[in-house]
Amino acid sequence: MIARFRINLRLFVALCLPLSAATVKPESVGFSGERLVRIHEAMQRHIEAHDFSGAVTVVARRGQIAWFDAQGLMDIEANKPMPRDAIFRIFSMSKPITGAAILMLVEEGKVRLNDPVSKFIPDFKDAKVAILEDSPGDGPASGPVKFYTIPAAREITVQDLLTHVSGLASGGKASGLDVTSLLDMVGSRTLADLMPKFGPAPLDFQPGSRWSYSPLAGFDTLGRVVEVVSGMSYDQFLKERIFTPLGMKNTGFHPGDDRRSSVVTAYHRADGALTRTEHPNRLQSTTYFSGAGGLVSTAEDYAQFAQMLCARGQWNGARLLSPKTVDLMSSVFVADTVPGLSAGQSFGLSVRVVTDPIASGQRVSKGSFGWDGAYGTHFWVDPVEKVVGVMMIQTDNPDHVADRDFENAAMQAMVE
């Protein structure tokens, strides 16, 4: 009797919960509505484990949203339920949007992937590479980092920045451009203000010799390239060329005073509990438009961007990119044989590309691509199955287990 009740309850949730929010019946695009409920169940397990306070999830296939769910809390202390239109700090999920902006300019013939960055920002001319000297210890007690520089074998290019092989502020100690230092620099400055600091900074390695993530400086530099080439501020370019055409009404570098109450509270998880994160809004600015991590968005908004990529460049009646350019964006530019990348996960132009789902441990098709944000946001595009998934949470130290659980729950619900 209990087992039958559980089955019936599950069927009730499958029939009622997602369909109240979905654009189409899941079955019309090859999903099982009953099985899609496992997304809710997977997220609920993480909420109950205090991995995050709440989540908004979207799954679409063949251009139709089949699942759109909000659960948990957007603010624990206020006991405020998570709404579907909650605004999240998407941090590094800003990078694929910056990648798309650059590729739009490539299509217009105004930027080439192999252009040296110095063509647009002279501060990057005559780059140097830092060579660390041997040190008996590590950390603050060891004193200042000792290094010398040698000329870079070549200039860094636009493609180097898009693929994280430039060596610009990629985790090394010599540049002085670690994330904390960069956040301290932002303030009320502009992208143009920081280029004289980024350009002369010693690179962490010879361009192209390895893959190492550039959290902020690399894609902020690309944002400045967009400004120089287009003659528009970066926020204006994104609004006019990407957000407005795609109907992304709640995406920008600042939520605005009228939507501030819709921004999800950020949390840090430790010892089975969640505590509020201090100063989570340092990249949200009305003057510094961080192409690396400054955007805020909603799950529904970001799904529009992902749907555009899945539809190979055209969405909401607007063509942003050609099919060939989206194919290029999701091609393997840096193979997993390059030092720094994980097995089965290669890198394209601003996105991770899954080249071997078995090796990478992911339930998606070969060729799927996407990226994550520092506070747990995640999206992927599966071009084989025409599936898009967007997961929005707001925890500053995610372990990405929820990413895999979300992918698994979505893909196992696909029955045709």
Protein backbone atom coordinates (compact mmCIF):
# COMPACT_ATOMS: atom_id res chain seq x y z
CA MET A 1 0.00 0.00 0.00
CA ILE A 2 2.81 2.40 0.94
CA ALA A 3 4.74 1.47 -2.20
CA ARG A 4 1.64 2.07 -4.32
CA PHE A 5 1.10 5.42 -2.61
CA ARG A 6 4.68 6.44 -3.42
CA ILE A 7 4.22 5.48 -7.04
CA ASN A 8 0.94 7.37 -7.28
CA LEU A 9 2.41 10.40 -5.53
CA ARG A 10 5.31 10.40 -7.93
CA LEU A 11 2.94 10.19 -10.87
CA PHE A 12 0.89 13.07 -9.44
CA VAL A 13 4.00 15.23 -9.10
CA ALA A 14 5.10 14.25 -12.59
CA LEU A 15 1.75 15.25 -14.04
CA CYS A 16 1.20 18.41 -12.03
CA LEU A 17 4.47 19.99 -10.93
CA PRO A 18 6.45 20.33 -14.13
CA LEU A 19 3.49 20.89 -16.44
CA SER A 20 2.35 23.91 -14.46
CA ALA A 21 5.63 25.54 -15.43
CA ALA A 22 6.49 23.86 -18.72
CA THR A 23 5.95 25.29 -22.18
CA VAL A 24 5.09 21.88 -23.62
CA LYS A 25 4.22 18.40 -22.41
CA PRO A 26 7.52 16.59 -21.84
CA GLU A 27 6.30 13.66 -23.94
CA SER A 28 5.93 15.93 -26.99
CA VAL A 29 9.72 16.34 -27.11
CA GLY A 30 10.68 12.80 -26.14
CA PHE A 31 10.86 13.12 -22.35
CA SER A 32 9.01 11.13 -19.73
CA GLY A 33 7.18 13.60 -17.49
CA GLU A 34 7.29 11.13 -14.63
CA ARG A 35 11.03 10.63 -14.99
CA LEU A 36 11.75 14.37 -15.19
CA VAL A 37 10.56 14.66 -11.59
CA ARG A 38 13.85 13.02 -10.64
CA ILE A 39 15.45 16.42 -11.25
CA HIS A 40 13.37 17.81 -8.39
CA GLU A 41 14.26 14.83 -6.23
CA ALA A 42 17.99 15.17 -6.98
CA MET A 43 17.99 18.87 -6.12
CA GLN A 44 15.98 18.20 -2.97
CA ARG A 45 18.59 15.73 -1.72
CA HIS A 46 21.25 18.42 -2.05
CA ILE A 47 19.04 20.99 -0.33
CA GLU A 48 18.41 18.64 2.58
CA ALA A 49 22.16 17.96 2.80
CA HIS A 50 22.70 21.74 3.07
CA ASP A 51 24.76 21.85 -0.11
CA PHE A 52 22.72 24.86 -1.22
CA SER A 53 19.56 26.64 -0.11
CA GLY A 54 17.50 26.25 -3.26
CA ALA A 55 17.64 25.79 -7.01
CA VAL A 56 15.98 26.73 -10.27
CA THR A 57 16.32 24.18 -13.08
CA VAL A 58 15.37 24.33 -16.74
CA VAL A 59 15.53 21.58 -19.35
CA ALA A 60 14.56 22.07 -22.98
CA ARG A 61 14.65 19.88 -26.05
CA ARG A 62 14.11 20.65 -29.71
CA GLY A 63 13.53 24.28 -28.86
CA GLN A 64 10.80 23.66 -26.27
CA ILE A 65 11.03 23.93 -22.50
CA ALA A 66 9.90 20.65 -20.94
CA TRP A 67 10.94 21.34 -17.34
CA PHE A 68 11.07 24.58 -15.36
CA ASP A 69 11.15 24.21 -11.58
CA ALA A 70 12.05 26.25 -8.52
CA GLN A 71 12.49 24.71 -5.08
CA GLY A 72 13.99 25.43 -1.70
CA LEU A 73 14.70 28.89 -0.36
CA MET A 74 16.31 31.97 -1.88
CA ASP A 75 16.95 33.28 1.64
CA ILE A 76 17.14 30.92 4.59
CA GLU A 77 16.97 33.52 7.35
CA ALA A 78 13.86 35.12 5.86
CA ASN A 79 12.35 31.73 4.97
CA LYS A 80 11.77 33.15 1.49
CA PRO A 81 10.83 30.53 -1.13
CA MET A 82 12.86 30.31 -4.32
CA PRO A 83 10.88 31.81 -7.25
CA ARG A 84 11.42 30.80 -10.84
CA ASP A 85 12.44 34.36 -11.77
CA ALA A 86 15.09 34.62 -9.03
CA ILE A 87 18.24 36.49 -10.04
CA PHE A 88 21.58 34.70 -9.62
CA ARG A 89 25.17 35.86 -9.80
CA ILE A 90 26.33 33.68 -12.67
CA PHE A 91 30.02 34.60 -12.41
CA SER A 92 31.96 32.55 -14.99
CA MET A 93 28.86 31.66 -16.96
CA SER A 94 29.44 35.23 -18.17
CA LYS A 95 32.38 33.90 -20.20
CA PRO A 96 30.42 32.05 -22.93
CA ILE A 97 28.40 35.24 -23.46
CA THR A 98 31.66 37.13 -23.90
CA GLY A 99 32.79 34.37 -26.25
CA ALA A 100 29.67 34.85 -28.34
CA ALA A 101 30.23 38.63 -28.42
CA ILE A 102 33.77 38.17 -29.74
CA LEU A 103 32.59 35.67 -32.35
CA MET A 104 29.97 38.13 -33.56
CA LEU A 105 32.80 40.58 -34.25
CA VAL A 106 34.81 37.81 -35.91
CA GLU A 107 31.89 37.21 -38.26
CA GLU A 108 31.83 40.93 -39.09
CA GLY A 109 35.51 40.80 -40.02
CA LYS A 110 36.49 43.22 -37.26
CA VAL A 111 38.39 40.67 -35.17
CA ARG A 112 40.40 37.60 -36.12
CA LEU A 113 41.02 34.77 -33.69
CA ASN A 114 44.76 34.94 -34.37
CA ASP A 115 44.92 38.71 -33.88
CA PRO A 116 47.39 39.69 -31.17
CA VAL A 117 45.61 41.37 -28.28
CA SER A 118 48.03 44.28 -28.64
CA LYS A 119 46.34 45.15 -31.95
CA PHE A 120 43.42 46.43 -29.91
CA ILE A 121 45.09 47.15 -26.56
CA PRO A 122 48.69 48.39 -26.96
CA ASP A 123 49.45 47.67 -23.29
CA PHE A 124 49.85 43.99 -24.26
CA LYS A 125 52.79 44.61 -26.59
CA ASP A 126 56.15 43.02 -25.68
CA ALA A 127 54.78 40.46 -23.22
CA LYS A 128 57.08 38.81 -20.71
CA VAL A 129 56.86 35.39 -19.07
CA ALA A 130 57.67 34.95 -15.38
CA ILE A 131 60.18 32.32 -14.36
CA LEU A 132 59.95 31.60 -10.64
CA GLU A 133 63.20 31.18 -8.75
CA ASP A 134 63.62 28.21 -6.46
CA SER A 135 62.27 28.95 -2.99
CA PRO A 136 62.80 26.97 0.25
CA GLY A 137 59.18 27.38 1.25
CA ASP A 138 55.78 28.52 0.20
CA GLY A 139 53.16 30.94 1.49
CA PRO A 140 53.38 34.27 3.31
CA ALA A 141 56.18 33.17 5.61
CA SER A 142 58.45 32.69 2.61
CA GLY A 143 58.39 36.38 1.75
CA PRO A 144 57.82 37.96 -1.67
CA VAL A 145 57.79 35.74 -4.72
CA LYS A 146 61.14 35.80 -6.46
CA PHE A 147 61.14 35.60 -10.23
CA TYR A 148 62.75 36.91 -13.35
CA THR A 149 61.21 37.41 -16.77
CA ILE A 150 62.01 36.35 -20.29
CA PRO A 151 60.41 37.53 -23.52
CA ALA A 152 57.30 35.66 -24.55
CA ALA A 153 57.87 33.40 -27.55
CA ARG A 154 54.96 35.15 -29.23
CA GLU A 155 52.24 37.64 -28.42
CA ILE A 156 49.05 36.40 -26.82
CA THR A 157 46.10 36.27 -29.19
CA VAL A 158 42.34 36.61 -28.94
CA GLN A 159 42.11 32.83 -29.32
CA ASP A 160 44.57 32.32 -26.45
CA LEU A 161 42.28 34.31 -24.15
CA LEU A 162 39.15 32.48 -25.31
CA THR A 163 40.75 29.10 -24.65
CA HIS A 164 42.67 29.84 -21.42
CA VAL A 165 46.12 29.15 -22.85
CA SER A 166 47.40 32.74 -22.63
CA GLY A 167 49.06 32.54 -19.21
CA LEU A 168 47.45 35.86 -18.24
CA ALA A 169 46.62 35.79 -14.52
CA SER A 170 46.17 32.02 -14.66
CA GLY A 171 46.98 31.18 -11.06
CA GLY A 172 50.68 31.96 -10.98
CA LYS A 173 52.20 34.13 -8.28
CA ALA A 174 54.33 36.52 -10.29
CA SER A 175 51.69 38.62 -12.01
CA GLY A 176 50.12 39.99 -8.81
CA LEU A 177 46.74 39.52 -10.47
CA ASP A 178 45.21 36.88 -8.23
CA VAL A 179 41.42 36.96 -7.85
CA THR A 180 41.51 38.84 -4.54
CA SER A 181 43.81 41.52 -5.94
CA LEU A 182 41.66 41.86 -9.03
CA LEU A 183 38.49 42.27 -6.97
CA ASP A 184 40.24 44.95 -4.91
CA MET A 185 41.14 46.79 -8.12
CA VAL A 186 37.62 46.92 -9.57
CA GLY A 187 35.82 49.46 -7.39
CA SER A 188 34.40 52.23 -9.57
CA ARG A 189 36.97 51.70 -12.31
CA THR A 190 36.30 50.72 -15.93
CA LEU A 191 37.73 47.99 -18.14
CA ALA A 192 39.93 50.59 -19.82
CA ASP A 193 41.35 51.63 -16.46
CA LEU A 194 42.74 48.16 -15.74
CA MET A 195 44.33 47.37 -19.10
CA PRO A 196 47.58 49.19 -18.13
CA LYS A 197 47.78 46.75 -15.19
CA PHE A 198 46.84 43.62 -17.14
CA GLY A 199 49.02 44.21 -20.21
CA PRO A 200 52.46 44.52 -18.58
CA ALA A 201 51.80 41.76 -16.01
CA PRO A 202 54.19 38.81 -16.44
CA LEU A 203 52.50 35.78 -17.99
CA ASP A 204 52.47 32.56 -15.99
CA PHE A 205 53.76 30.47 -18.91
CA GLN A 206 54.57 30.68 -22.58
CA PRO A 207 51.36 31.28 -24.58
CA GLY A 208 49.84 28.04 -25.85
CA SER A 209 52.09 25.75 -23.82
CA ARG A 210 49.42 24.63 -21.36
CA TRP A 211 45.82 25.15 -20.27
CA SER A 212 45.29 27.08 -17.05
CA TYR A 213 42.13 28.92 -16.14
CA SER A 214 42.20 32.71 -16.16
CA PRO A 215 39.36 33.55 -13.73
CA LEU A 216 39.05 37.26 -14.43
CA ALA A 217 41.76 39.07 -16.37
CA GLY A 218 41.56 37.05 -19.59
CA PHE A 219 37.88 37.54 -20.34
CA ASP A 220 37.77 41.05 -18.91
CA THR A 221 40.41 41.85 -21.50
CA LEU A 222 38.14 40.35 -24.17
CA GLY A 223 35.35 42.61 -22.94
CA ARG A 224 37.66 45.57 -23.50
CA VAL A 225 38.44 44.29 -27.01
CA VAL A 226 34.70 44.39 -27.72
CA GLU A 227 34.56 47.98 -26.49
CA VAL A 228 37.50 49.08 -28.63
CA VAL A 229 36.24 47.40 -31.79
CA SER A 230 32.55 48.27 -31.45
CA GLY A 231 32.90 51.76 -30.03
CA MET A 232 30.31 50.84 -27.40
CA SER A 233 30.61 50.19 -23.68
CA TYR A 234 30.56 46.46 -23.05
CA ASP A 235 27.27 46.52 -21.18
CA GLN A 236 25.67 48.46 -24.03
CA PHE A 237 26.99 46.02 -26.64
CA LEU A 238 25.63 42.99 -24.78
CA LYS A 239 22.26 44.63 -24.21
CA GLU A 240 21.78 45.74 -27.81
CA ARG A 241 23.36 42.78 -29.60
CA ILE A 242 22.55 39.79 -27.35
CA PHE A 243 20.20 40.38 -24.42
CA THR A 244 17.46 42.37 -26.15
CA PRO A 245 17.32 40.17 -29.28
CA LEU A 246 17.09 37.04 -27.14
CA GLY A 247 14.55 38.49 -24.72
CA MET A 248 16.95 38.29 -21.75
CA LYS A 249 15.24 41.02 -19.73
CA ASN A 250 16.81 40.21 -16.36
CA THR A 251 20.45 39.83 -17.41
CA GLY A 252 23.08 42.51 -16.89
CA PHE A 253 26.03 43.65 -14.82
CA HIS A 254 23.79 45.02 -12.09
CA PRO A 255 20.30 43.89 -11.08
CA GLY A 256 19.00 47.43 -10.67
CA ASP A 257 17.29 48.77 -7.59
CA ASP A 258 13.87 47.50 -8.70
CA ARG A 259 15.07 43.87 -8.86
CA ARG A 260 17.55 43.84 -5.99
CA SER A 261 15.08 41.98 -3.76
CA SER A 262 15.00 39.18 -6.36
CA VAL A 263 18.73 38.44 -6.03
CA VAL A 264 19.33 35.11 -4.29
CA THR A 265 21.29 35.19 -1.04
CA ALA A 266 24.72 33.62 -1.44
CA TYR A 267 25.86 30.97 1.02
CA HIS A 268 28.99 29.10 2.02
CA ARG A 269 28.67 25.44 3.00
CA ALA A 270 30.80 23.93 5.74
CA ASP A 271 30.31 21.25 8.39
CA GLY A 272 26.81 20.41 7.18
CA ALA A 273 25.52 23.98 7.42
CA LEU A 274 25.07 27.05 5.25
CA THR A 275 26.21 30.51 6.30
CA ARG A 276 25.81 33.77 4.39
CA THR A 277 28.68 34.66 2.11
CA GLU A 278 30.31 38.00 2.83
CA HIS A 279 30.61 40.54 0.01
CA PRO A 280 29.23 38.40 -2.84
CA ASN A 281 28.46 41.42 -5.05
CA ARG A 282 31.93 42.81 -5.64
CA LEU A 283 31.79 42.16 -9.38
CA GLN A 284 28.34 43.71 -9.85
CA SER A 285 29.04 47.20 -11.07
CA THR A 286 27.64 50.11 -13.02
CA THR A 287 31.09 51.03 -14.34
CA TYR A 288 33.25 47.88 -14.48
CA PHE A 289 31.68 45.38 -16.87
CA SER A 290 33.43 42.11 -16.16
CA GLY A 291 33.13 39.81 -19.16
CA ALA A 292 34.67 37.11 -17.01
CA GLY A 293 32.21 37.05 -14.16
CA GLY A 294 30.15 40.18 -13.67
CA LEU A 295 26.74 39.20 -15.00
CA VAL A 296 23.58 38.39 -13.10
CA SER A 297 20.77 36.46 -14.75
CA THR A 298 17.79 34.18 -14.27
CA ALA A 299 17.52 30.52 -15.27
CA GLU A 300 14.93 31.37 -17.91
CA ASP A 301 17.05 34.17 -19.36
CA TYR A 302 20.16 32.05 -19.59
CA ALA A 303 18.16 29.25 -21.16
CA GLN A 304 17.43 31.64 -24.04
CA PHE A 305 21.15 32.08 -24.64
CA ALA A 306 21.72 28.32 -24.41
CA GLN A 307 18.81 27.68 -26.78
CA MET A 308 20.38 30.06 -29.28
CA LEU A 309 23.57 27.99 -29.21
CA CYS A 310 21.62 24.75 -29.46
CA ALA A 311 19.73 26.13 -32.47
CA ARG A 312 23.10 26.99 -34.04
CA GLY A 313 22.91 30.74 -33.74
CA GLN A 314 19.29 31.75 -34.22
CA TRP A 315 16.65 32.22 -31.53
CA ASN A 316 13.61 34.36 -30.79
CA GLY A 317 13.50 35.45 -34.42
CA ALA A 318 17.05 36.83 -34.31
CA ARG A 319 20.23 35.35 -35.76
CA LEU A 320 23.23 36.19 -33.62
CA LEU A 321 25.73 33.73 -35.10
CA SER A 322 25.95 31.51 -38.14
CA PRO A 323 25.68 27.72 -37.71
CA LYS A 324 29.32 27.32 -38.72
CA THR A 325 30.42 29.79 -36.05
CA VAL A 326 28.53 27.94 -33.30
CA ASP A 327 30.17 24.75 -34.56
CA LEU A 328 33.51 26.53 -34.33
CA MET A 329 32.79 27.75 -30.81
CA SER A 330 32.12 24.18 -29.66
CA SER A 331 35.05 22.62 -31.52
CA VAL A 332 38.12 21.28 -29.74
CA PHE A 333 40.79 23.96 -29.70
CA VAL A 334 42.66 22.58 -26.69
CA ALA A 335 42.66 18.79 -26.40
CA ASP A 336 42.69 16.95 -23.08
CA THR A 337 46.23 15.87 -23.89
CA VAL A 338 47.39 19.42 -23.18
CA PRO A 339 48.68 19.81 -19.61
CA GLY A 340 46.03 21.24 -17.31
CA LEU A 341 42.86 19.61 -18.69
CA SER A 342 40.96 16.62 -17.33
CA ALA A 343 40.38 13.40 -19.26
CA GLY A 344 37.48 13.58 -21.68
CA GLN A 345 37.07 17.35 -21.26
CA SER A 346 38.62 19.55 -23.89
CA PHE A 347 38.20 23.27 -24.46
CA GLY A 348 36.63 25.29 -27.22
CA LEU A 349 36.11 29.03 -27.59
CA SER A 350 34.95 30.00 -24.08
CA VAL A 351 33.26 26.63 -23.40
CA ARG A 352 34.24 23.20 -22.12
CA VAL A 353 33.69 20.46 -24.72
CA VAL A 354 33.00 16.85 -23.71
CA THR A 355 35.01 14.67 -26.06
CA ASP A 356 34.64 11.44 -24.08
CA PRO A 357 31.62 11.19 -21.78
CA ILE A 358 32.90 7.97 -20.21
CA ALA A 359 36.30 9.41 -19.35
CA SER A 360 34.76 12.64 -18.07
CA GLY A 361 32.04 10.85 -16.09
CA GLN A 362 29.15 12.78 -17.63
CA ARG A 363 25.73 11.62 -18.84
CA VAL A 364 25.73 13.76 -21.98
CA SER A 365 26.54 13.13 -25.64
CA LYS A 366 29.98 13.45 -27.13
CA GLY A 367 30.35 17.01 -28.33
CA SER A 368 28.19 18.54 -25.59
CA PHE A 369 29.49 21.88 -24.36
CA GLY A 370 28.89 24.47 -21.65
CA TRP A 371 30.40 26.00 -18.53
CA ASP A 372 29.88 26.72 -14.82
CA GLY A 373 29.92 29.66 -12.44
CA ALA A 374 31.85 30.05 -9.19
CA TYR A 375 28.65 30.04 -7.11
CA GLY A 376 27.36 26.77 -8.54
CA THR A 377 25.51 27.81 -11.68
CA HIS A 378 25.80 25.32 -14.55
CA PHE A 379 24.63 24.87 -18.13
CA TRP A 380 25.19 22.53 -21.00
CA VAL A 381 24.11 22.14 -24.60
CA ASP A 382 23.82 18.66 -26.10
CA PRO A 383 23.78 19.23 -29.88
CA VAL A 384 23.22 15.54 -30.63
CA GLU A 385 19.98 15.25 -28.65
CA LYS A 386 19.08 18.96 -28.99
CA VAL A 387 18.92 19.24 -25.21
CA VAL A 388 19.70 22.30 -23.08
CA GLY A 389 20.03 22.25 -19.30
CA VAL A 390 20.40 25.20 -16.92
CA MET A 391 20.85 24.87 -13.15
CA MET A 392 21.04 27.90 -10.90
CA ILE A 393 22.16 27.66 -7.27
CA GLN A 394 24.11 30.12 -5.12
CA THR A 395 26.82 28.47 -3.03
CA ASP A 396 30.35 29.87 -3.25
CA ASN A 397 32.12 26.51 -2.87
CA PRO A 398 30.19 23.97 -4.96
CA ASP A 399 31.67 20.51 -5.48
CA HIS A 400 29.93 20.06 -8.85
CA VAL A 401 28.35 16.78 -7.77
CA ALA A 402 24.98 18.48 -8.26
CA ASP A 403 25.98 19.28 -11.86
CA ARG A 404 26.41 15.60 -12.63
CA ASP A 405 23.23 14.69 -10.74
CA PHE A 406 21.27 17.27 -12.72
CA GLU A 407 22.66 16.04 -16.04
CA ASN A 408 21.90 12.44 -15.10
CA ALA A 409 18.34 13.20 -14.00
CA ALA A 410 17.65 15.13 -17.19
CA MET A 411 19.17 12.64 -19.62
CA GLN A 412 17.62 9.56 -18.02
CA ALA A 413 14.22 11.16 -18.58
CA MET A 414 14.78 11.21 -22.34
CA VAL A 415 12.95 8.14 -23.65
CA GLU A 416 12.99 8.74 -27.39
